[in-house]
Protein backbone atom coordinates (compact mmCIF):
# COMPACT_ATOMS: atom_id res chain seq x y z
CA UNK A 1 50.23 -8.67 -22.73
CA UNK A 2 49.72 -11.61 -25.08
CA UNK A 3 46.89 -12.84 -22.84
CA UNK A 4 45.21 -9.45 -23.03
CA UNK A 5 45.28 -9.66 -26.79
CA UNK A 6 43.39 -12.96 -26.91
CA UNK A 7 39.88 -12.58 -28.38
CA UNK A 8 36.91 -13.08 -26.08
CA UNK A 9 34.87 -16.25 -26.45
CA UNK A 10 31.18 -15.79 -27.37
CA UNK A 11 30.13 -16.61 -23.78
CA UNK A 12 32.67 -14.16 -22.34
CA UNK A 13 31.52 -11.52 -24.78
CA UNK A 14 27.90 -11.94 -23.77
CA UNK A 15 28.84 -11.79 -20.09
CA UNK A 16 30.83 -8.59 -20.66
CA UNK A 17 27.95 -7.07 -22.63
CA UNK A 18 25.58 -7.97 -19.82
CA UNK A 19 27.80 -6.27 -17.24
CA UNK A 20 27.98 -3.16 -19.39
CA UNK A 21 24.23 -3.12 -20.05
CA UNK A 22 22.99 -3.68 -16.50
CA UNK A 23 24.02 -0.26 -15.06
CA UNK A 24 22.45 1.47 -18.07
CA UNK A 25 19.17 -0.42 -17.65
CA UNK A 26 19.26 0.25 -13.92
CA UNK A 27 19.54 4.01 -14.41
CA UNK A 28 16.85 3.97 -17.12
CA UNK A 29 14.61 2.06 -14.71
CA UNK A 30 15.20 4.63 -11.98
CA UNK A 31 14.40 7.47 -14.37
CA UNK A 32 11.19 5.85 -15.67
CA UNK A 33 10.13 4.86 -12.16
CA UNK A 34 10.70 8.41 -10.91
CA UNK A 35 8.60 9.86 -13.76
CA UNK A 36 5.80 7.39 -13.04
CA UNK A 37 5.74 8.56 -9.44
CA UNK A 38 5.82 12.25 -10.31
CA UNK A 39 2.94 11.89 -12.80
CA UNK A 40 0.87 9.41 -10.79
CA UNK A 41 -1.60 12.03 -9.60
CA UNK A 42 0.01 13.98 -6.80
CA UNK A 43 -2.40 16.86 -7.53
CA UNK A 44 -5.57 14.75 -7.80
CA UNK A 45 -8.38 15.14 -5.26
CA UNK A 46 -7.85 13.33 -1.98
CA UNK A 47 -9.86 10.13 -2.15
CA UNK A 48 -11.96 8.83 0.72
CA UNK A 49 -9.19 7.03 2.64
CA UNK A 50 -6.77 9.92 2.18
CA UNK A 51 -9.34 12.28 3.66
CA UNK A 52 -9.17 10.21 6.85
CA UNK A 53 -5.41 10.78 6.87
CA UNK A 54 -5.94 14.50 6.33
CA UNK A 55 -8.41 14.74 9.21
CA UNK A 56 -6.09 12.80 11.53
CA UNK A 57 -3.12 14.97 10.59
CA UNK A 58 -5.18 18.12 11.18
CA UNK A 59 -6.04 17.34 14.79
CA UNK A 60 -5.09 20.21 17.07
CA UNK A 61 -3.61 18.33 20.01
CA UNK A 62 -2.20 14.98 21.10
CA UNK A 63 -5.32 13.68 22.94
CA UNK A 64 -7.45 14.23 19.83
CA UNK A 65 -4.77 12.51 17.73
CA UNK A 66 -4.77 9.46 20.01
CA UNK A 67 -8.57 9.31 19.92
CA UNK A 68 -8.47 9.10 16.13
CA UNK A 69 -5.59 6.63 16.08
CA UNK A 70 -7.54 4.25 18.27
CA UNK A 71 -10.36 4.14 15.70
CA UNK A 72 -8.06 3.46 12.72
CA UNK A 73 -7.28 -0.02 11.42
CA UNK A 74 -3.61 0.81 10.86
CA UNK A 75 -1.04 1.48 13.55
CA UNK A 76 0.12 4.91 14.74
CA UNK A 77 3.55 5.24 13.03
CA UNK A 78 2.53 6.93 9.79
CA UNK A 79 -0.25 9.09 11.22
CA UNK A 80 1.92 10.37 14.05
CA UNK A 81 4.54 11.42 11.53
CA UNK A 82 1.92 13.02 9.27
CA UNK A 83 0.46 14.85 12.29
CA UNK A 84 3.85 16.48 12.91
CA UNK A 85 4.42 17.13 9.20
CA UNK A 86 1.06 18.88 8.82
CA UNK A 87 1.97 21.36 11.53
CA UNK A 88 4.88 22.46 9.33
CA UNK A 89 3.65 21.99 5.75
CA UNK A 90 -0.12 22.42 6.14
CA UNK A 91 -2.96 20.16 5.00
CA UNK A 92 -3.03 20.88 1.26
CA UNK A 93 -3.20 17.88 -1.05
CA UNK A 94 0.38 18.04 -2.30
CA UNK A 95 1.73 18.82 1.17
CA UNK A 96 0.04 15.73 2.64
CA UNK A 97 1.30 13.52 -0.19
CA UNK A 98 4.86 14.79 -0.33
CA UNK A 99 6.17 12.49 2.47
CA UNK A 100 4.93 9.42 0.59
CA UNK A 101 6.56 10.61 -2.62
CA UNK A 102 9.90 11.19 -0.89
CA UNK A 103 9.77 7.80 0.85
CA UNK A 104 8.82 6.04 -2.38
CA UNK A 105 11.79 7.55 -4.23
CA UNK A 106 14.12 6.79 -1.34
CA UNK A 107 13.30 3.06 -1.31
CA UNK A 108 15.06 1.96 -4.54
CA UNK A 109 17.93 4.37 -3.88
CA UNK A 110 18.49 2.79 -0.46
CA UNK A 111 18.49 -0.66 -2.03
CA UNK A 112 20.96 0.50 -4.67
CA UNK A 113 23.21 1.82 -1.90
CA UNK A 114 23.10 -0.94 0.73
CA UNK A 115 20.72 -3.63 -0.49
CA UNK A 116 23.17 -6.50 -0.99
CA UNK A 117 26.94 -7.10 -0.98
CA UNK A 118 26.79 -8.06 -4.67
CA UNK A 119 26.65 -4.93 -6.86
CA UNK A 120 24.67 -6.67 -9.61
CA UNK A 121 22.04 -7.88 -7.14
CA UNK A 122 21.72 -4.35 -5.76
CA UNK A 123 21.16 -2.90 -9.23
CA UNK A 124 18.64 -5.59 -10.20
CA UNK A 125 16.76 -5.30 -6.91
CA UNK A 126 16.62 -1.50 -7.11
CA UNK A 127 15.51 -1.55 -10.76
CA UNK A 128 12.78 -4.14 -10.18
CA UNK A 129 11.59 -2.27 -7.09
CA UNK A 130 11.37 1.11 -8.78
CA UNK A 131 9.39 -0.41 -11.68
CA UNK A 132 6.98 -2.42 -9.51
CA UNK A 133 3.52 -1.00 -10.17
CA UNK A 134 2.60 -1.20 -6.49
CA UNK A 135 4.91 1.75 -5.90
CA UNK A 136 3.35 4.18 -8.37
CA UNK A 137 -0.02 4.96 -6.78
CA UNK A 138 1.23 4.55 -3.21
CA UNK A 139 3.84 7.24 -3.95
CA UNK A 140 1.13 9.87 -4.37
CA UNK A 141 -1.26 8.83 -1.64
CA UNK A 142 -1.46 10.29 1.83
CA UNK A 143 -1.60 6.76 3.20
CA UNK A 144 0.86 4.54 5.14
CA UNK A 145 1.85 2.33 2.19
CA UNK A 146 4.94 4.16 0.88
CA UNK A 147 6.35 4.19 4.41
CA UNK A 148 5.47 0.52 4.85
CA UNK A 149 7.22 -0.39 1.58
CA UNK A 150 10.36 1.49 2.63
CA UNK A 151 10.39 -0.18 6.05
CA UNK A 152 9.80 -3.63 4.53
CA UNK A 153 12.64 -3.13 2.05
CA UNK A 154 14.94 -1.93 4.83
CA UNK A 155 13.94 -4.87 7.00
CA UNK A 156 14.83 -7.25 4.14
CA UNK A 157 18.29 -5.70 3.82
CA UNK A 158 18.92 -5.85 7.57
CA UNK A 159 17.65 -9.44 7.75
CA UNK A 160 20.29 -10.56 5.24
CA UNK A 161 23.00 -9.03 7.43
CA UNK A 162 21.41 -10.44 10.58
CA UNK A 163 21.55 -14.05 9.40
CA UNK A 164 25.10 -13.58 8.08
CA UNK A 165 26.35 -12.04 11.36
CA UNK A 166 23.88 -12.25 14.28
CA UNK A 167 25.03 -9.52 16.63
CA UNK A 168 23.00 -7.70 19.26
CA UNK A 169 23.25 -4.38 17.45
CA UNK A 170 22.03 -5.82 14.16
CA UNK A 171 19.27 -7.72 15.93
CA UNK A 172 18.17 -4.54 17.70
CA UNK A 173 18.04 -2.75 14.36
CA UNK A 174 15.92 -5.55 12.88
CA UNK A 175 13.50 -5.62 15.82
CA UNK A 176 13.19 -1.81 15.75
CA UNK A 177 12.33 -1.80 12.04
CA UNK A 178 9.96 -4.72 12.54
CA UNK A 179 8.17 -2.88 15.37
CA UNK A 180 7.77 0.20 13.19
CA UNK A 181 6.45 -1.99 10.37
CA UNK A 182 3.83 -3.63 12.56
CA UNK A 183 2.82 -0.26 14.01
CA UNK A 184 2.42 1.01 10.46
CA UNK A 185 0.25 -1.90 9.30
CA UNK A 186 -0.59 -4.97 11.37
CA UNK A 187 -0.33 -7.37 8.42
CA UNK A 188 3.44 -6.82 8.61
CA UNK A 189 3.40 -8.96 11.76
CA UNK A 190 3.14 -12.08 9.57
CA UNK A 191 6.47 -11.66 7.78
CA UNK A 192 8.14 -10.26 10.91
CA UNK A 193 7.09 -13.35 12.84
CA UNK A 194 8.27 -15.71 10.10
CA UNK A 195 11.65 -13.99 9.89
CA UNK A 196 11.97 -14.11 13.67
CA UNK A 197 11.35 -17.87 13.62
CA UNK A 198 13.90 -18.29 10.83
CA UNK A 199 16.44 -16.26 12.81
CA UNK A 200 16.05 -18.46 15.89
CA UNK A 201 16.17 -21.65 13.82
CA UNK A 202 19.28 -20.67 11.84
CA UNK A 203 21.32 -18.87 14.51
CA UNK A 204 20.10 -20.62 17.67
CA UNK A 205 22.44 -19.89 20.57
CA UNK A 206 23.85 -16.74 19.01
CA UNK A 207 20.31 -15.48 18.49
CA UNK A 208 19.35 -16.19 22.10
CA UNK A 209 22.35 -14.23 23.37
CA UNK A 210 20.92 -11.17 21.59
CA UNK A 211 17.84 -11.11 23.87
CA UNK A 212 18.30 -7.40 24.86
CA UNK A 213 17.28 -6.60 21.28
CA UNK A 214 13.70 -7.52 22.24
CA UNK A 215 13.34 -4.16 24.01
CA UNK A 216 12.00 -2.26 20.91
CA UNK A 217 9.13 -4.76 20.76
CA UNK A 218 7.78 -3.68 24.16
CA UNK A 219 6.16 -0.38 23.03
CA UNK A 220 4.72 -2.24 20.05
CA UNK A 221 3.14 -4.86 22.32
CA UNK A 222 1.71 -2.20 24.66
CA UNK A 223 0.06 -0.28 21.81
CA UNK A 224 -1.31 -3.45 20.21
CA UNK A 225 -2.83 -4.60 23.51
CA UNK A 226 -4.62 -1.24 23.69
CA UNK A 227 -5.65 -1.02 20.02
CA UNK A 228 -6.25 -4.54 18.73
CA UNK A 229 -9.65 -5.05 20.41
CA UNK A 230 -11.00 -2.35 18.07
CA UNK A 231 -9.25 -3.89 15.05
CA UNK A 232 -10.65 -7.35 15.83
CA UNK A 233 -14.15 -5.89 16.00
CA UNK A 234 -13.97 -5.63 12.20
CA UNK A 235 -13.91 -9.42 12.04
CA UNK A 236 -17.66 -9.50 12.64
CA UNK A 237 -19.34 -10.60 9.43
CA UNK A 238 -21.96 -7.85 9.52
CA UNK A 239 -19.43 -5.02 9.27
CA UNK A 240 -16.93 -6.43 6.74
CA UNK A 241 -16.99 -4.49 3.47
CA UNK A 242 -15.23 -7.02 1.27
CA UNK A 243 -15.85 -10.66 0.44
CA UNK A 244 -13.73 -13.79 0.25
CA UNK A 245 -11.17 -14.08 -2.54
CA UNK A 246 -11.77 -15.72 -5.89
CA UNK A 247 -9.23 -17.40 -8.13
CA UNK A 248 -8.77 -14.15 -10.08
CA UNK A 249 -6.88 -12.80 -7.02
CA UNK A 250 -3.97 -15.08 -7.93
CA UNK A 251 -3.15 -12.75 -10.84
CA UNK A 252 -2.25 -10.06 -8.33
CA UNK A 253 1.20 -11.40 -7.47
CA UNK A 254 2.61 -11.86 -11.01
CA UNK A 255 1.15 -8.50 -12.01
CA UNK A 256 3.02 -6.82 -9.19
CA UNK A 257 6.31 -8.34 -10.31
CA UNK A 258 6.33 -7.28 -13.95
CA UNK A 259 3.33 -5.01 -14.44
CA UNK A 260 1.84 -7.63 -16.77
CA UNK A 261 0.08 -10.79 -15.66
CA UNK A 262 1.26 -13.42 -18.16
CA UNK A 263 4.95 -12.40 -18.16
CA UNK A 264 4.77 -12.45 -14.38
CA UNK A 265 3.31 -15.96 -14.46
CA UNK A 266 6.10 -17.09 -16.80
CA UNK A 267 8.70 -15.54 -14.50
CA UNK A 268 7.30 -17.23 -11.39
CA UNK A 269 7.08 -20.57 -13.22
CA UNK A 270 10.70 -20.29 -14.36
CA UNK A 271 11.82 -19.37 -10.84
CA UNK A 272 9.90 -22.28 -9.29
CA UNK A 273 11.34 -24.75 -11.84
CA UNK A 274 14.87 -23.45 -11.28
CA UNK A 275 14.54 -23.59 -7.49
CA UNK A 276 13.26 -27.16 -7.79
CA UNK A 277 16.22 -28.24 -9.91
CA UNK A 278 18.69 -26.59 -7.51
CA UNK A 279 17.01 -28.24 -4.55
CA UNK A 280 17.17 -31.71 -6.11
CA UNK A 281 20.84 -31.25 -6.98
CA UNK A 282 21.65 -30.05 -3.47
CA UNK A 283 19.90 -33.02 -1.85
CA UNK A 284 21.72 -35.48 -4.08
CA UNK A 285 25.03 -33.83 -3.33
CA UNK A 286 25.65 -32.97 -6.99
CA UNK A 287 25.82 -29.24 -6.33
CA UNK A 288 25.63 -26.77 -3.46
CA UNK A 289 22.51 -24.73 -2.85
CA UNK A 290 23.35 -21.51 -4.72
CA UNK A 291 21.80 -19.07 -2.24
CA UNK A 292 22.90 -18.13 1.26
CA UNK A 293 20.85 -19.05 4.32
CA UNK A 294 19.75 -15.43 4.73
CA UNK A 295 18.70 -15.09 1.09
CA UNK A 296 16.76 -18.35 1.26
CA UNK A 297 15.03 -17.43 4.52
CA UNK A 298 14.16 -13.93 3.24
CA UNK A 299 12.48 -15.10 0.05
CA UNK A 300 10.80 -18.02 1.81
CA UNK A 301 9.36 -15.69 4.47
CA UNK A 302 7.87 -13.46 1.79
CA UNK A 303 6.36 -16.35 -0.16
CA UNK A 304 4.99 -18.01 2.96
CA UNK A 305 3.53 -14.73 4.28
CA UNK A 306 1.66 -14.16 1.01
CA UNK A 307 0.43 -17.76 1.03
CA UNK A 308 -0.86 -17.48 4.60
CA UNK A 309 -2.62 -14.14 4.22
CA UNK A 310 -4.15 -14.86 0.82
CA UNK A 311 -5.03 -18.39 1.91
CA UNK A 312 -7.02 -17.04 4.84
CA UNK A 313 -8.63 -14.56 2.42
CA UNK A 314 -10.06 -17.46 0.43
CA UNK A 315 -11.77 -18.75 3.58
CA UNK A 316 -12.92 -15.63 5.44
CA UNK A 317 -13.39 -12.02 4.23
CA UNK A 318 -10.13 -10.58 5.52
CA UNK A 319 -8.07 -9.45 2.54
CA UNK A 320 -7.64 -6.71 -0.02
CA UNK A 321 -4.76 -6.35 -2.48
CA UNK A 322 -2.73 -3.73 -0.65
CA UNK A 323 -2.40 -6.01 2.39
CA UNK A 324 0.41 -8.00 0.72
CA UNK A 325 2.57 -4.89 0.34
CA UNK A 326 4.87 -5.66 3.33
CA UNK A 327 5.75 -9.01 1.71
CA UNK A 328 6.53 -7.70 -1.78
CA UNK A 329 10.12 -6.50 -1.07
CA UNK A 330 11.17 -10.02 -0.07
CA UNK A 331 9.65 -11.37 -3.29
CA UNK A 332 11.35 -8.69 -5.39
CA UNK A 333 14.64 -9.56 -3.70
CA UNK A 334 14.03 -13.15 -4.78
CA UNK A 335 13.57 -12.07 -8.39
CA UNK A 336 16.84 -10.12 -8.27
CA UNK A 337 18.75 -13.00 -6.67
CA UNK A 338 17.37 -15.53 -9.17
CA UNK A 339 18.06 -13.29 -12.16
CA UNK A 340 21.63 -12.71 -10.99
CA UNK A 341 22.07 -16.47 -10.52
CA UNK A 342 20.69 -17.26 -13.98
CA UNK A 343 22.95 -14.63 -15.54
CA UNK A 344 25.87 -17.02 -15.03
CA UNK A 345 24.30 -19.38 -17.57
CA UNK A 346 22.42 -16.82 -19.68
CA UNK A 347 24.30 -13.53 -19.29
CA UNK A 348 21.66 -11.41 -21.04
CA UNK A 349 18.68 -12.68 -19.01
CA UNK A 350 18.31 -9.43 -17.05
CA UNK A 351 17.91 -7.31 -20.19
CA UNK A 352 14.56 -8.69 -21.45
CA UNK A 353 13.12 -8.71 -17.91
CA UNK A 354 14.03 -5.09 -17.23
CA UNK A 355 13.07 -3.97 -20.75
CA UNK A 356 9.65 -5.58 -20.31
CA UNK A 357 9.16 -3.86 -16.97
CA UNK A 358 10.38 -0.55 -18.37
CA UNK A 359 7.88 -0.92 -21.22
CA UNK A 360 5.04 -1.70 -18.82
CA UNK A 361 5.93 1.28 -16.61
CA UNK A 362 6.25 3.48 -19.70
CA UNK A 363 2.73 2.51 -20.76
CA UNK A 364 1.52 3.46 -17.27
CA UNK A 365 3.28 6.80 -17.60
CA UNK A 366 1.65 7.51 -20.96
CA UNK A 367 -1.72 6.73 -19.41
CA UNK A 368 -1.09 9.12 -16.52
CA UNK A 369 -0.20 11.93 -18.92
CA UNK A 370 -2.86 11.26 -21.57
CA UNK A 371 -5.85 10.81 -19.26
CA UNK A 372 -5.12 12.00 -15.72
CA UNK A 373 -8.81 11.95 -14.78
CA UNK A 374 -8.91 8.18 -15.27
CA UNK A 375 -7.34 8.04 -11.80
CA UNK A 376 -9.73 6.27 -9.41
CA UNK A 377 -9.42 9.17 -6.98
CA UNK A 378 -11.57 11.29 -9.25
CA UNK A 379 -14.33 8.71 -8.82
CA UNK A 380 -14.29 8.43 -5.03
CA UNK A 381 -13.66 11.66 -3.22
CA UNK A 382 -15.46 14.26 -1.11
CA UNK A 383 -13.36 17.13 -2.42
CA UNK A 384 -15.22 17.76 -5.69
CA UNK A 385 -18.74 17.52 -4.21
CA UNK A 386 -17.61 19.79 -1.37
CA UNK A 387 -16.49 22.40 -3.88
CA UNK A 388 -19.93 22.26 -5.50
CA UNK A 389 -21.72 22.46 -2.14
CA UNK A 390 -19.54 25.46 -1.19
CA UNK A 391 -21.02 27.39 -4.13
CA UNK A 392 -24.45 27.29 -2.48
CA UNK A 393 -25.66 29.14 0.61
CA UNK A 394 -25.83 26.35 3.16
CA UNK A 395 -24.48 26.19 6.68
CA UNK A 396 -25.25 22.59 7.62
CA UNK A 397 -24.18 19.24 6.13
CA UNK A 398 -25.76 15.82 6.58
CA UNK A 399 -23.33 13.00 5.77
CA UNK A 400 -23.94 9.31 5.17
CA UNK A 401 -21.06 6.91 4.59
CA UNK A 402 -23.21 4.02 3.44
CA UNK A 403 -21.05 1.02 4.30
CA UNK A 404 -21.20 -1.73 6.92
CA UNK A 405 -17.86 -0.45 8.26
CA UNK A 406 -19.57 2.81 9.23
CA UNK A 407 -21.28 0.96 12.07
CA UNK A 408 -17.91 0.89 13.84
CA UNK A 409 -16.40 4.29 13.06
CA UNK A 410 -19.51 6.44 13.21
CA UNK A 411 -20.09 6.50 16.99
CA UNK A 412 -17.05 8.72 17.43
CA UNK A 413 -18.44 11.34 15.05
CA UNK A 414 -15.61 10.72 12.62
CA UNK A 415 -17.76 10.43 9.50
CA UNK A 416 -19.06 13.96 10.02
CA UNK A 417 -15.48 15.26 10.34
CA UNK A 418 -14.39 13.46 7.18
CA UNK A 419 -17.43 14.63 5.21
CA UNK A 420 -16.93 18.27 6.18
CA UNK A 421 -13.12 18.36 5.97
CA UNK A 422 -12.85 20.20 2.65
CA UNK A 423 -15.54 22.71 3.58
CA UNK A 424 -13.75 23.47 6.83
CA UNK A 425 -10.39 23.62 5.03
CA UNK A 426 -11.93 26.25 2.76
CA UNK A 427 -12.84 28.28 5.83
CA UNK A 428 -16.61 27.69 5.72
CA UNK A 429 -18.32 27.42 9.14
CA UNK A 430 -20.33 24.32 8.24
CA UNK A 431 -21.99 22.30 10.98
CA UNK A 432 -21.79 18.61 10.02
CA UNK A 433 -23.95 15.75 11.26
CA UNK A 434 -23.68 12.10 10.27
CA UNK A 435 -26.71 9.92 9.68
CA UNK A 436 -26.06 6.64 11.53
CA UNK A 437 -25.68 3.84 9.03
CA UNK A 438 -29.11 2.27 8.55
CA UNK A 439 -28.88 -1.53 8.64
CA UNK A 440 -32.31 -1.75 7.04
CA UNK A 441 -34.63 0.52 5.12
CA UNK A 442 -34.25 3.22 2.48
CA UNK A 443 -31.71 6.00 3.21
CA UNK A 444 -33.37 8.48 0.81
CA UNK A 445 -36.23 9.60 3.10
CA UNK A 446 -33.98 9.35 6.15
CA UNK A 447 -31.53 11.84 4.66
CA UNK A 448 -34.34 14.19 3.59
CA UNK A 449 -35.88 14.14 7.06
CA UNK A 450 -32.54 14.71 8.77
CA UNK A 451 -31.65 17.60 6.45
CA UNK A 452 -34.99 19.29 7.22
CA UNK A 453 -36.88 21.85 5.22
CA UNK A 454 -35.19 25.06 6.32
CA UNK A 455 -33.29 25.35 3.02
CA UNK A 456 -29.93 25.73 4.75
CA UNK A 457 -28.72 22.14 4.67
CA UNK A 458 -26.80 20.03 2.14
CA UNK A 459 -26.53 16.25 1.82
CA UNK A 460 -23.45 14.14 1.09
CA UNK A 461 -24.07 10.43 0.53
CA UNK A 462 -21.38 7.96 -0.58
CA UNK A 463 -21.68 4.25 -1.26
CA UNK A 464 -20.10 1.42 -3.26
CA UNK A 465 -22.79 -0.60 -5.03
CA UNK A 466 -20.70 -3.79 -5.08
CA UNK A 467 -20.36 -3.96 -1.29
CA UNK A 468 -22.87 -6.28 0.32
CA UNK A 469 -24.95 -4.68 3.03
CA UNK A 470 -24.77 -1.22 1.47
CA UNK A 471 -28.24 0.31 1.56
CA UNK A 472 -27.66 2.30 -1.63
CA UNK A 473 -27.17 -1.00 -3.44
CA UNK A 474 -30.82 -1.88 -2.71
CA UNK A 475 -32.20 1.66 -2.63
CA UNK A 476 -30.23 3.85 -5.10
CA UNK A 477 -30.42 7.61 -4.71
CA UNK A 478 -33.70 9.25 -5.75
CA UNK A 479 -33.89 12.22 -3.43
CA UNK A 480 -35.20 14.72 -6.08
CA UNK A 481 -37.95 12.26 -7.05
CA UNK A 482 -39.14 12.05 -3.46
CA UNK A 483 -38.79 15.77 -2.81
CA UNK A 484 -38.43 18.09 -5.86
CA UNK A 485 -37.08 20.85 -3.59
CA UNK A 486 -33.66 19.14 -3.86
CA UNK A 487 -31.13 19.20 -6.71
CA UNK A 488 -28.41 16.54 -6.72
CA UNK A 489 -25.20 15.66 -8.56
CA UNK A 490 -23.39 12.34 -8.54
CA UNK A 491 -19.62 12.93 -8.50
CA UNK A 492 -18.77 9.23 -8.43
CA UNK A 493 -18.17 6.68 -11.13
CA UNK A 494 -19.96 3.32 -11.18
CA UNK A 495 -19.99 1.30 -9.00
CA UNK A 496 -19.16 4.20 -6.64
CA UNK A 497 -21.72 6.91 -5.94
CA UNK A 498 -20.75 10.17 -4.25
CA UNK A 499 -23.96 12.17 -4.17
CA UNK A 500 -24.20 15.85 -3.24
CA UNK A 501 -27.58 17.53 -2.80
CA UNK A 502 -28.53 21.14 -2.09
CA UNK A 503 -31.90 22.90 -1.94
CA UNK A 504 -33.26 24.12 -5.28
CA UNK A 505 -32.51 27.80 -5.83
CA UNK A 506 -29.40 27.82 -3.61
């Protein structure tokens, strides 16, 4: 009893305050992160890529679904699920986005439940994950990224258990999740491969005895052998719609961690310095390496995967920001592990980090509420121009997706289906035709000629002026100047143009 009456030292008091504050900050983070997801535009128009998802989900039968899946860059996991979901919930905007919202909310809750044996690490990892800005927009998009983030986070949790106790059942679970990840987005193969190498290197004979766990990888390999020839066709320089990376791309990673670039840079610098000190001490035998083999391999796989993919992006045009998403959970786990480690020396270190991220997410939330139409989806969609076209008496639509990538997807007639999706969803019997992407020349007269002069056709032309090879970049729209019988409205926002044209008087 006398010991219980002794006053706490200042260090013990700070540690106790930190333990008391962490759960509160964790729950505040979850609340703010949930609000950011709910207000991140679930009712906005479907943007161009989401319309592809909507068309795929709306296919009537399995053969048509497979035909579309084979012309998509991503794997079949998400779209197959959305295809089944659409048959139950319909193809309205909110219905199509609801699975992503549910999966996005489930991710930090799963981490909080089973993310790590250490309760503090679980809370930090869940809080940092729910506040990561990459999760806000993906939560309200009918795209594979919320599913991919959930799978990558689950894979990270299973990988920690796999290295700690390499059993066949755990290995089978890891390979199953990895296969689903790769079949959701092929860039996930990088971190899956790195973790597989780490598993073999660390567990050796025990890993080899788990060879039956390779079975879930067989369907993945079969699908990839069938699908990858199409995906690799995008490597041709004349159909790539993005360029090589510049140095400004390096801001992407720290921004994802904290929501703000400079604080993220400071955090990464502090982590790198701390890891370096720990490594030197471990090599000199002055201290043990403070992280387990699984924790070290997990974070290293994430950092190396980002380095490989972004490094290639600096050399060849093969990268856009969302491609690093399957590697982010491993990096966020590293932040949580490092913060928990540093808390032993600076007990309150988690508070400023989480408060900063809460503040950044709160600013995002205010922006969503104050100006919802600032959302990029209002600037690049076919839904609003389709609503305008539907007000006029036309029964035919001519569509041009003016992008080098259209040279690959257009032969299957998919552009016409995407361009007419909202008109068909509204019940209008519109016949849609796509103008093949013109590699040279001016699209304006080509669209006018294809639409004809019968007064029953409309035109839908979309292009991004910053994409090299786009014809609209060289020949901007001027259809009414060429033929005054047309009236046009641009529903895009620079540098994106989404042009709708109908005959005058209709």
